[in-house]
C-alpha cells in the first residue's frame, strides 16, 4: 500500500511540472558587483554559486556592471487600536539598480524592486517583535537577491542611444 502511495505521489510531482530552479544563465561571462553592503555580499554569493558568470573586481574587465542606485528600508504604521496604539506595521524594502556595459549599452535600465511584509504588533512583546522584524528584513533581502538574479538572467543587451 505504501509503495502504491509513493508511486502515485511521484507521478503527481512529475506531472505537475515542478522543477528545481537550478543555475541561472546570465547573458554575459564577466560581471562587476560593488563590494559593499549586505545585499551586495549576498548577491555576489548567489552569482558566484548559482551561475557560470565570473565576478571581477574591476569595471574595465567586466562585460556588465551592476550599479546600486538606492536601498531603502521603511516601517509604516498600517493600523491603530481604539487607544491609539499601533496594531500593525508594514515593512517596505526598495532596491533601485541598473546593469550596464562599459561601452554604454544597457542590460537593465534603471529599475526598482519593491517588497512589503505586514507585521502585527503587541506592546507586551516588544523584544520578540523587534527580533521578528529583523528576521523579516533578512528574508526580504534573500527574496530581493533571488529576484535580482532572475531579472538579470532575463535581460538582454540594448545598444546605446
N, C-alpha and C. Protein backbone atom coordinates (compact mmCIF):
# COMPACT_ATOMS: atom_id res chain seq x y z
N UNK A 1 0.82 -1.20 0.00
CA UNK A 1 0.00 0.00 0.00
C UNK A 1 0.86 1.27 0.00
N UNK A 2 1.94 1.28 0.83
CA UNK A 2 2.84 2.44 0.88
C UNK A 2 3.56 2.63 -0.44
N UNK A 3 3.93 1.54 -1.06
CA UNK A 3 4.62 1.63 -2.35
C UNK A 3 3.71 2.26 -3.39
N UNK A 4 2.44 1.88 -3.38
CA UNK A 4 1.47 2.43 -4.31
C UNK A 4 1.27 3.92 -4.05
N UNK A 5 1.17 4.30 -2.77
CA UNK A 5 1.00 5.71 -2.42
C UNK A 5 2.23 6.52 -2.84
N UNK A 6 3.43 5.99 -2.64
CA UNK A 6 4.66 6.66 -3.06
C UNK A 6 4.71 6.82 -4.57
N UNK A 7 4.31 5.78 -5.29
CA UNK A 7 4.30 5.82 -6.75
C UNK A 7 3.33 6.89 -7.25
N UNK A 8 2.16 6.98 -6.63
CA UNK A 8 1.17 7.99 -7.02
C UNK A 8 1.72 9.38 -6.74
N UNK A 9 2.35 9.59 -5.59
CA UNK A 9 2.93 10.89 -5.24
C UNK A 9 4.02 11.28 -6.23
N UNK A 10 4.88 10.38 -6.59
CA UNK A 10 5.94 10.65 -7.56
C UNK A 10 5.34 11.00 -8.92
N UNK A 11 4.32 10.27 -9.33
CA UNK A 11 3.67 10.55 -10.61
C UNK A 11 3.01 11.94 -10.60
N UNK A 12 2.41 12.32 -9.48
CA UNK A 12 1.79 13.64 -9.39
C UNK A 12 2.83 14.75 -9.46
N UNK A 13 3.94 14.58 -8.75
CA UNK A 13 5.01 15.59 -8.79
C UNK A 13 5.62 15.70 -10.18
N UNK A 14 5.82 14.59 -10.84
CA UNK A 14 6.40 14.61 -12.18
C UNK A 14 5.43 15.25 -13.17
N UNK A 15 4.15 15.05 -12.97
CA UNK A 15 3.15 15.57 -13.90
C UNK A 15 2.81 17.02 -13.69
N UNK A 16 3.12 17.61 -12.54
CA UNK A 16 2.72 18.99 -12.27
C UNK A 16 3.69 20.00 -12.86
N UNK A 17 4.82 19.57 -13.35
CA UNK A 17 5.80 20.49 -13.92
C UNK A 17 6.77 21.05 -12.90
N UNK A 18 6.73 20.55 -11.67
CA UNK A 18 7.66 21.02 -10.63
C UNK A 18 9.08 20.72 -11.05
N UNK A 19 9.93 21.71 -10.89
CA UNK A 19 11.34 21.54 -11.27
C UNK A 19 12.18 22.45 -10.38
N UNK A 20 13.31 21.97 -9.92
CA UNK A 20 14.20 22.81 -9.13
C UNK A 20 14.73 23.94 -9.99
N UNK A 21 15.02 25.05 -9.36
CA UNK A 21 15.43 26.24 -10.08
C UNK A 21 16.72 26.04 -10.87
N UNK A 22 17.69 25.36 -10.29
CA UNK A 22 18.95 25.12 -11.00
C UNK A 22 19.76 26.40 -11.16
N UNK A 23 20.73 26.36 -12.07
CA UNK A 23 21.59 27.50 -12.30
C UNK A 23 20.92 28.53 -13.20
N UNK A 24 21.19 29.79 -12.92
CA UNK A 24 20.72 30.87 -13.79
C UNK A 24 21.79 31.10 -14.85
N UNK A 25 21.35 31.38 -16.05
CA UNK A 25 22.29 31.69 -17.13
C UNK A 25 22.27 33.18 -17.38
N UNK A 26 23.29 33.89 -16.91
CA UNK A 26 23.38 35.32 -17.13
C UNK A 26 23.88 35.58 -18.54
N UNK A 27 23.43 36.67 -19.18
CA UNK A 27 23.77 36.91 -20.58
C UNK A 27 25.16 37.51 -20.80
N UNK A 28 26.06 37.31 -19.87
CA UNK A 28 27.43 37.79 -20.00
C UNK A 28 28.34 36.87 -19.21
N UNK A 29 29.63 36.90 -19.53
CA UNK A 29 30.55 35.96 -18.87
C UNK A 29 31.32 36.57 -17.70
N UNK A 30 31.45 37.89 -17.67
CA UNK A 30 32.11 38.56 -16.54
C UNK A 30 31.20 39.66 -16.01
N UNK A 31 31.19 39.83 -14.69
CA UNK A 31 30.23 40.72 -14.04
C UNK A 31 30.90 41.43 -12.89
N UNK A 32 30.68 42.74 -12.80
CA UNK A 32 31.19 43.51 -11.67
C UNK A 32 30.04 43.85 -10.73
N UNK A 33 30.21 43.52 -9.47
CA UNK A 33 29.27 43.89 -8.41
C UNK A 33 30.02 44.70 -7.37
N UNK A 34 29.47 45.83 -6.93
CA UNK A 34 30.14 46.62 -5.89
C UNK A 34 30.34 45.76 -4.63
N UNK A 35 31.46 45.92 -3.94
CA UNK A 35 31.76 45.04 -2.81
C UNK A 35 31.12 45.43 -1.48
N UNK A 36 30.38 46.52 -1.40
CA UNK A 36 29.89 46.99 -0.11
C UNK A 36 28.42 46.64 0.14
N UNK A 37 28.09 46.46 1.40
CA UNK A 37 26.72 46.23 1.82
C UNK A 37 26.33 44.77 1.87
N UNK A 38 25.41 44.45 2.79
CA UNK A 38 24.99 43.06 2.97
C UNK A 38 24.22 42.54 1.77
N UNK A 39 23.46 43.41 1.09
CA UNK A 39 22.75 42.99 -0.12
C UNK A 39 23.74 42.58 -1.20
N UNK A 40 24.79 43.36 -1.37
CA UNK A 40 25.79 43.05 -2.40
C UNK A 40 26.57 41.78 -2.06
N UNK A 41 26.85 41.57 -0.78
CA UNK A 41 27.55 40.35 -0.36
C UNK A 41 26.71 39.13 -0.71
N UNK A 42 25.41 39.18 -0.41
CA UNK A 42 24.53 38.05 -0.72
C UNK A 42 24.35 37.88 -2.22
N UNK A 43 24.26 38.98 -2.96
CA UNK A 43 24.13 38.90 -4.41
C UNK A 43 25.40 38.32 -5.03
N UNK A 44 26.56 38.74 -4.54
CA UNK A 44 27.84 38.17 -5.03
C UNK A 44 27.88 36.66 -4.79
N UNK A 45 27.46 36.25 -3.60
CA UNK A 45 27.47 34.83 -3.25
C UNK A 45 26.54 34.04 -4.18
N UNK A 46 25.36 34.57 -4.45
CA UNK A 46 24.41 33.89 -5.32
C UNK A 46 24.89 33.81 -6.76
N UNK A 47 25.48 34.88 -7.26
CA UNK A 47 26.00 34.87 -8.63
C UNK A 47 27.18 33.91 -8.73
N UNK A 48 28.06 33.93 -7.75
CA UNK A 48 29.23 33.05 -7.77
C UNK A 48 28.84 31.58 -7.69
N UNK A 49 27.86 31.25 -6.85
CA UNK A 49 27.47 29.85 -6.64
C UNK A 49 26.42 29.37 -7.63
N UNK A 50 25.55 30.27 -8.11
CA UNK A 50 24.42 29.83 -8.90
C UNK A 50 24.49 30.12 -10.39
N UNK A 51 25.63 30.64 -10.86
CA UNK A 51 25.79 30.92 -12.28
C UNK A 51 27.19 30.53 -12.72
N UNK A 52 27.41 30.58 -14.02
CA UNK A 52 28.76 30.33 -14.54
C UNK A 52 29.49 31.63 -14.84
N UNK A 53 28.88 32.75 -14.51
CA UNK A 53 29.47 34.07 -14.73
C UNK A 53 30.57 34.32 -13.71
N UNK A 54 31.68 34.84 -14.19
CA UNK A 54 32.83 35.12 -13.32
C UNK A 54 32.71 36.54 -12.78
N UNK A 55 32.87 36.69 -11.47
CA UNK A 55 32.86 38.01 -10.84
C UNK A 55 34.25 38.61 -10.94
N UNK A 56 34.32 39.88 -11.34
CA UNK A 56 35.61 40.57 -11.47
C UNK A 56 35.63 41.75 -10.51
N UNK A 57 36.83 42.23 -10.20
CA UNK A 57 36.98 43.31 -9.22
C UNK A 57 37.18 44.68 -9.86
N UNK A 58 37.25 44.73 -11.18
CA UNK A 58 37.46 45.99 -11.89
C UNK A 58 36.41 46.14 -12.98
N UNK A 59 35.81 47.31 -13.07
CA UNK A 59 34.76 47.53 -14.06
C UNK A 59 35.29 47.42 -15.49
N UNK A 60 36.59 47.66 -15.68
CA UNK A 60 37.17 47.60 -17.03
C UNK A 60 37.24 46.17 -17.55
N UNK A 61 37.27 45.19 -16.65
CA UNK A 61 37.34 43.78 -17.05
C UNK A 61 35.96 43.17 -17.26
N UNK A 62 34.91 43.89 -16.89
CA UNK A 62 33.56 43.32 -16.87
C UNK A 62 32.80 43.58 -18.17
N UNK A 63 32.02 42.58 -18.57
CA UNK A 63 31.08 42.75 -19.68
C UNK A 63 29.83 43.47 -19.20
N UNK A 64 29.52 43.36 -17.91
CA UNK A 64 28.36 44.02 -17.32
C UNK A 64 28.72 44.56 -15.95
N UNK A 65 28.14 45.71 -15.62
CA UNK A 65 28.40 46.38 -14.35
C UNK A 65 27.08 46.63 -13.65
N UNK A 66 26.96 46.14 -12.42
CA UNK A 66 25.76 46.36 -11.60
C UNK A 66 25.96 47.64 -10.81
N UNK A 67 24.97 48.53 -10.85
CA UNK A 67 25.02 49.76 -10.07
C UNK A 67 23.82 49.78 -9.14
N UNK A 68 24.08 49.89 -7.86
CA UNK A 68 23.02 50.01 -6.86
C UNK A 68 22.67 51.49 -6.75
N UNK A 69 21.47 51.85 -7.17
CA UNK A 69 21.04 53.25 -7.15
C UNK A 69 20.53 53.66 -5.77
N UNK A 70 19.79 52.79 -5.12
CA UNK A 70 19.35 53.04 -3.75
C UNK A 70 18.85 51.74 -3.12
N UNK A 71 18.92 51.73 -1.81
CA UNK A 71 18.41 50.62 -0.99
C UNK A 71 17.72 51.26 0.20
N UNK A 72 16.39 51.13 0.26
CA UNK A 72 15.61 51.83 1.29
C UNK A 72 14.78 50.82 2.08
N UNK A 73 14.88 50.90 3.40
CA UNK A 73 14.04 50.11 4.30
C UNK A 73 13.15 51.07 5.07
N UNK A 74 11.86 50.79 5.06
CA UNK A 74 10.91 51.66 5.74
C UNK A 74 9.98 50.82 6.63
N UNK A 75 9.47 51.48 7.66
CA UNK A 75 8.49 50.86 8.55
C UNK A 75 7.33 51.84 8.66
N UNK A 76 6.15 51.41 8.18
CA UNK A 76 4.99 52.29 8.11
C UNK A 76 3.86 51.70 8.95
N UNK A 77 3.17 52.55 9.69
CA UNK A 77 2.03 52.11 10.50
C UNK A 77 0.85 51.80 9.59
N UNK A 78 0.27 50.61 9.77
CA UNK A 78 -0.91 50.22 9.00
C UNK A 78 -2.20 50.47 9.76
N UNK A 79 -2.23 50.12 11.05
CA UNK A 79 -3.47 50.30 11.80
C UNK A 79 -3.18 50.57 13.28
N UNK A 80 -4.16 51.22 13.90
CA UNK A 80 -4.09 51.56 15.32
C UNK A 80 -5.29 50.94 16.03
N UNK A 81 -5.14 50.67 17.34
CA UNK A 81 -6.30 50.18 18.10
C UNK A 81 -7.11 51.38 18.61
N UNK A 82 -8.14 51.12 19.39
CA UNK A 82 -9.02 52.20 19.86
C UNK A 82 -8.32 53.17 20.81
N UNK A 83 -7.21 52.74 21.42
CA UNK A 83 -6.44 53.61 22.32
C UNK A 83 -5.35 54.38 21.58
N UNK A 84 -5.25 54.21 20.29
CA UNK A 84 -4.24 54.92 19.51
C UNK A 84 -2.89 54.22 19.48
N UNK A 85 -2.84 52.98 19.94
CA UNK A 85 -1.59 52.21 19.91
C UNK A 85 -1.49 51.47 18.58
N UNK A 86 -0.27 51.27 18.14
CA UNK A 86 -0.03 50.58 16.87
C UNK A 86 -0.42 49.12 16.97
N UNK A 87 -1.17 48.63 15.99
CA UNK A 87 -1.54 47.20 15.93
C UNK A 87 -0.79 46.48 14.82
N UNK A 88 -0.55 47.19 13.70
CA UNK A 88 0.13 46.57 12.56
C UNK A 88 1.08 47.55 11.91
N UNK A 89 2.22 46.99 11.45
CA UNK A 89 3.19 47.73 10.66
C UNK A 89 3.29 47.09 9.28
N UNK A 90 3.81 47.86 8.35
CA UNK A 90 4.20 47.30 7.07
C UNK A 90 5.68 47.60 6.89
N UNK A 91 6.47 46.55 6.65
CA UNK A 91 7.88 46.71 6.36
C UNK A 91 8.02 46.82 4.85
N UNK A 92 8.75 47.82 4.40
CA UNK A 92 8.95 48.03 2.97
C UNK A 92 10.44 48.00 2.67
N UNK A 93 10.76 47.37 1.54
CA UNK A 93 12.16 47.25 1.12
C UNK A 93 12.22 47.54 -0.36
N UNK A 94 12.92 48.61 -0.72
CA UNK A 94 13.04 49.03 -2.12
C UNK A 94 14.51 49.02 -2.52
N UNK A 95 14.76 48.47 -3.69
CA UNK A 95 16.11 48.49 -4.24
C UNK A 95 16.03 49.01 -5.67
N UNK A 96 16.78 50.08 -5.92
CA UNK A 96 16.91 50.62 -7.27
C UNK A 96 18.26 50.20 -7.83
N UNK A 97 18.29 49.81 -9.08
CA UNK A 97 19.52 49.30 -9.67
C UNK A 97 19.49 49.46 -11.18
N UNK A 98 20.65 49.26 -11.79
CA UNK A 98 20.76 49.15 -13.24
C UNK A 98 21.95 48.26 -13.56
N UNK A 99 21.92 47.67 -14.75
CA UNK A 99 23.03 46.85 -15.22
C UNK A 99 23.41 47.37 -16.59
N UNK A 100 24.65 47.82 -16.72
CA UNK A 100 25.13 48.39 -17.96
C UNK A 100 26.40 47.67 -18.40
N UNK A 101 26.85 47.99 -19.61
CA UNK A 101 28.17 47.50 -20.00
C UNK A 101 29.09 48.70 -20.18
N UNK A 102 30.41 48.51 -20.12
CA UNK A 102 31.35 49.63 -20.18
C UNK A 102 31.29 50.42 -21.50
N UNK A 103 30.71 49.86 -22.54
CA UNK A 103 30.65 50.54 -23.84
C UNK A 103 29.44 51.45 -23.97
N UNK A 104 28.64 51.57 -22.93
CA UNK A 104 27.49 52.46 -22.96
C UNK A 104 26.16 51.77 -23.20
N UNK A 105 26.18 50.47 -23.46
CA UNK A 105 24.94 49.72 -23.63
C UNK A 105 24.30 49.44 -22.28
N UNK A 106 23.08 48.93 -22.32
CA UNK A 106 22.37 48.67 -21.08
C UNK A 106 21.71 47.30 -21.12
N UNK A 107 21.92 46.51 -20.08
CA UNK A 107 21.20 45.25 -19.93
C UNK A 107 19.87 45.51 -19.25
N UNK A 108 19.89 46.34 -18.20
CA UNK A 108 18.68 46.71 -17.48
C UNK A 108 18.73 48.21 -17.23
N UNK A 109 17.73 48.93 -17.73
CA UNK A 109 17.62 50.37 -17.47
C UNK A 109 17.37 50.55 -15.97
N UNK A 110 17.54 51.78 -15.45
CA UNK A 110 17.25 51.98 -14.03
C UNK A 110 15.88 51.42 -13.65
N UNK A 111 15.88 50.51 -12.69
CA UNK A 111 14.68 49.80 -12.26
C UNK A 111 14.61 49.77 -10.75
N UNK A 112 13.44 49.37 -10.25
CA UNK A 112 13.26 49.25 -8.82
C UNK A 112 12.46 47.99 -8.52
N UNK A 113 12.86 47.28 -7.48
CA UNK A 113 12.08 46.15 -6.97
C UNK A 113 11.60 46.56 -5.59
N UNK A 114 10.34 46.29 -5.33
CA UNK A 114 9.68 46.76 -4.11
C UNK A 114 9.03 45.57 -3.42
N UNK A 115 9.42 45.30 -2.18
CA UNK A 115 8.85 44.21 -1.39
C UNK A 115 8.20 44.76 -0.14
N UNK A 116 7.11 44.11 0.30
CA UNK A 116 6.46 44.51 1.55
C UNK A 116 6.12 43.27 2.38
N UNK A 117 6.07 43.45 3.68
CA UNK A 117 5.61 42.43 4.61
C UNK A 117 4.79 43.13 5.70
N UNK A 118 3.66 42.57 6.06
CA UNK A 118 2.83 43.11 7.14
C UNK A 118 3.17 42.38 8.44
N UNK A 119 3.24 43.15 9.53
CA UNK A 119 3.61 42.60 10.83
C UNK A 119 2.64 43.10 11.88
N UNK A 120 2.08 42.18 12.66
CA UNK A 120 1.24 42.60 13.79
C UNK A 120 2.16 43.07 14.91
N UNK A 121 1.63 43.90 15.79
CA UNK A 121 2.45 44.44 16.87
C UNK A 121 1.70 44.33 18.19
N UNK A 122 2.44 44.03 19.25
CA UNK A 122 1.87 43.92 20.59
C UNK A 122 2.85 44.55 21.57
N UNK A 123 2.38 45.52 22.35
CA UNK A 123 3.24 46.22 23.31
C UNK A 123 3.92 45.30 24.32
N UNK A 124 3.25 44.20 24.64
CA UNK A 124 3.81 43.30 25.66
C UNK A 124 4.90 42.39 25.11
N UNK A 125 5.12 42.42 23.80
CA UNK A 125 6.13 41.55 23.18
C UNK A 125 7.11 42.35 22.33
N UNK A 126 7.58 43.45 22.85
CA UNK A 126 8.41 44.36 22.07
C UNK A 126 9.69 43.70 21.59
N UNK A 127 10.41 43.00 22.47
CA UNK A 127 11.67 42.36 22.06
C UNK A 127 11.45 41.29 21.01
N UNK A 128 10.41 40.50 21.18
CA UNK A 128 10.11 39.45 20.20
C UNK A 128 9.74 40.06 18.85
N UNK A 129 9.01 41.16 18.86
CA UNK A 129 8.59 41.80 17.61
C UNK A 129 9.78 42.46 16.91
N UNK A 130 10.73 43.01 17.68
CA UNK A 130 11.94 43.56 17.07
C UNK A 130 12.76 42.45 16.41
N UNK A 131 12.84 41.31 17.08
CA UNK A 131 13.54 40.17 16.50
C UNK A 131 12.84 39.68 15.24
N UNK A 132 11.51 39.64 15.28
CA UNK A 132 10.73 39.22 14.11
C UNK A 132 10.96 40.19 12.95
N UNK A 133 11.01 41.46 13.25
CA UNK A 133 11.25 42.48 12.22
C UNK A 133 12.61 42.26 11.54
N UNK A 134 13.63 41.99 12.35
CA UNK A 134 14.96 41.72 11.79
C UNK A 134 14.96 40.49 10.90
N UNK A 135 14.27 39.43 11.35
CA UNK A 135 14.18 38.21 10.54
C UNK A 135 13.43 38.45 9.23
N UNK A 136 12.37 39.25 9.30
CA UNK A 136 11.61 39.55 8.08
C UNK A 136 12.44 40.37 7.09
N UNK A 137 13.22 41.33 7.59
CA UNK A 137 14.09 42.09 6.69
C UNK A 137 15.15 41.19 6.04
N UNK A 138 15.70 40.25 6.80
CA UNK A 138 16.67 39.30 6.21
C UNK A 138 16.01 38.42 5.16
N UNK A 139 14.78 37.97 5.44
CA UNK A 139 14.03 37.18 4.48
C UNK A 139 13.73 38.00 3.22
N UNK A 140 13.38 39.27 3.41
CA UNK A 140 13.11 40.14 2.27
C UNK A 140 14.37 40.36 1.44
N UNK A 141 15.51 40.47 2.10
CA UNK A 141 16.77 40.64 1.39
C UNK A 141 17.09 39.40 0.55
N UNK A 142 16.86 38.21 1.12
CA UNK A 142 17.09 36.98 0.37
C UNK A 142 16.16 36.90 -0.83
N UNK A 143 14.90 37.26 -0.63
CA UNK A 143 13.95 37.29 -1.74
C UNK A 143 14.38 38.32 -2.79
N UNK A 144 14.87 39.47 -2.34
CA UNK A 144 15.34 40.52 -3.26
C UNK A 144 16.49 40.01 -4.11
N UNK A 145 17.43 39.32 -3.50
CA UNK A 145 18.58 38.79 -4.24
C UNK A 145 18.11 37.79 -5.31
N UNK A 146 17.20 36.91 -4.95
CA UNK A 146 16.68 35.94 -5.92
C UNK A 146 15.97 36.64 -7.07
N UNK A 147 15.19 37.68 -6.77
CA UNK A 147 14.52 38.42 -7.83
C UNK A 147 15.52 39.16 -8.71
N UNK A 148 16.57 39.72 -8.11
CA UNK A 148 17.60 40.39 -8.89
C UNK A 148 18.28 39.43 -9.85
N UNK A 149 18.65 38.25 -9.36
CA UNK A 149 19.31 37.26 -10.22
C UNK A 149 18.40 36.85 -11.37
N UNK A 150 17.12 36.61 -11.08
CA UNK A 150 16.18 36.24 -12.14
C UNK A 150 16.02 37.36 -13.16
N UNK A 151 15.94 38.59 -12.68
CA UNK A 151 15.76 39.72 -13.59
C UNK A 151 17.02 39.92 -14.45
N UNK A 152 18.18 39.77 -13.86
CA UNK A 152 19.43 39.90 -14.61
C UNK A 152 19.54 38.78 -15.64
N UNK A 153 19.16 37.56 -15.25
CA UNK A 153 19.23 36.42 -16.18
C UNK A 153 18.30 36.61 -17.38
N UNK A 154 17.20 37.33 -17.20
CA UNK A 154 16.24 37.54 -18.28
C UNK A 154 16.59 38.75 -19.15
N UNK A 155 17.63 39.49 -18.79
CA UNK A 155 17.95 40.72 -19.51
C UNK A 155 18.69 40.44 -20.82
N UNK A 156 18.65 41.45 -21.70
CA UNK A 156 19.37 41.40 -22.98
C UNK A 156 20.05 42.73 -23.18
N UNK A 157 21.16 42.73 -23.87
CA UNK A 157 21.91 43.95 -24.12
C UNK A 157 21.18 44.84 -25.12
N UNK A 158 21.01 46.10 -24.72
CA UNK A 158 20.45 47.11 -25.62
C UNK A 158 21.56 48.07 -25.99
N UNK A 159 21.66 48.39 -27.24
CA UNK A 159 22.71 49.30 -27.71
C UNK A 159 22.49 50.71 -27.18
N UNK A 160 23.57 51.50 -27.02
CA UNK A 160 23.40 52.86 -26.54
C UNK A 160 22.64 53.70 -27.57
N UNK A 161 21.94 54.72 -27.06
CA UNK A 161 21.17 55.60 -27.96
C UNK A 161 22.05 56.52 -28.75
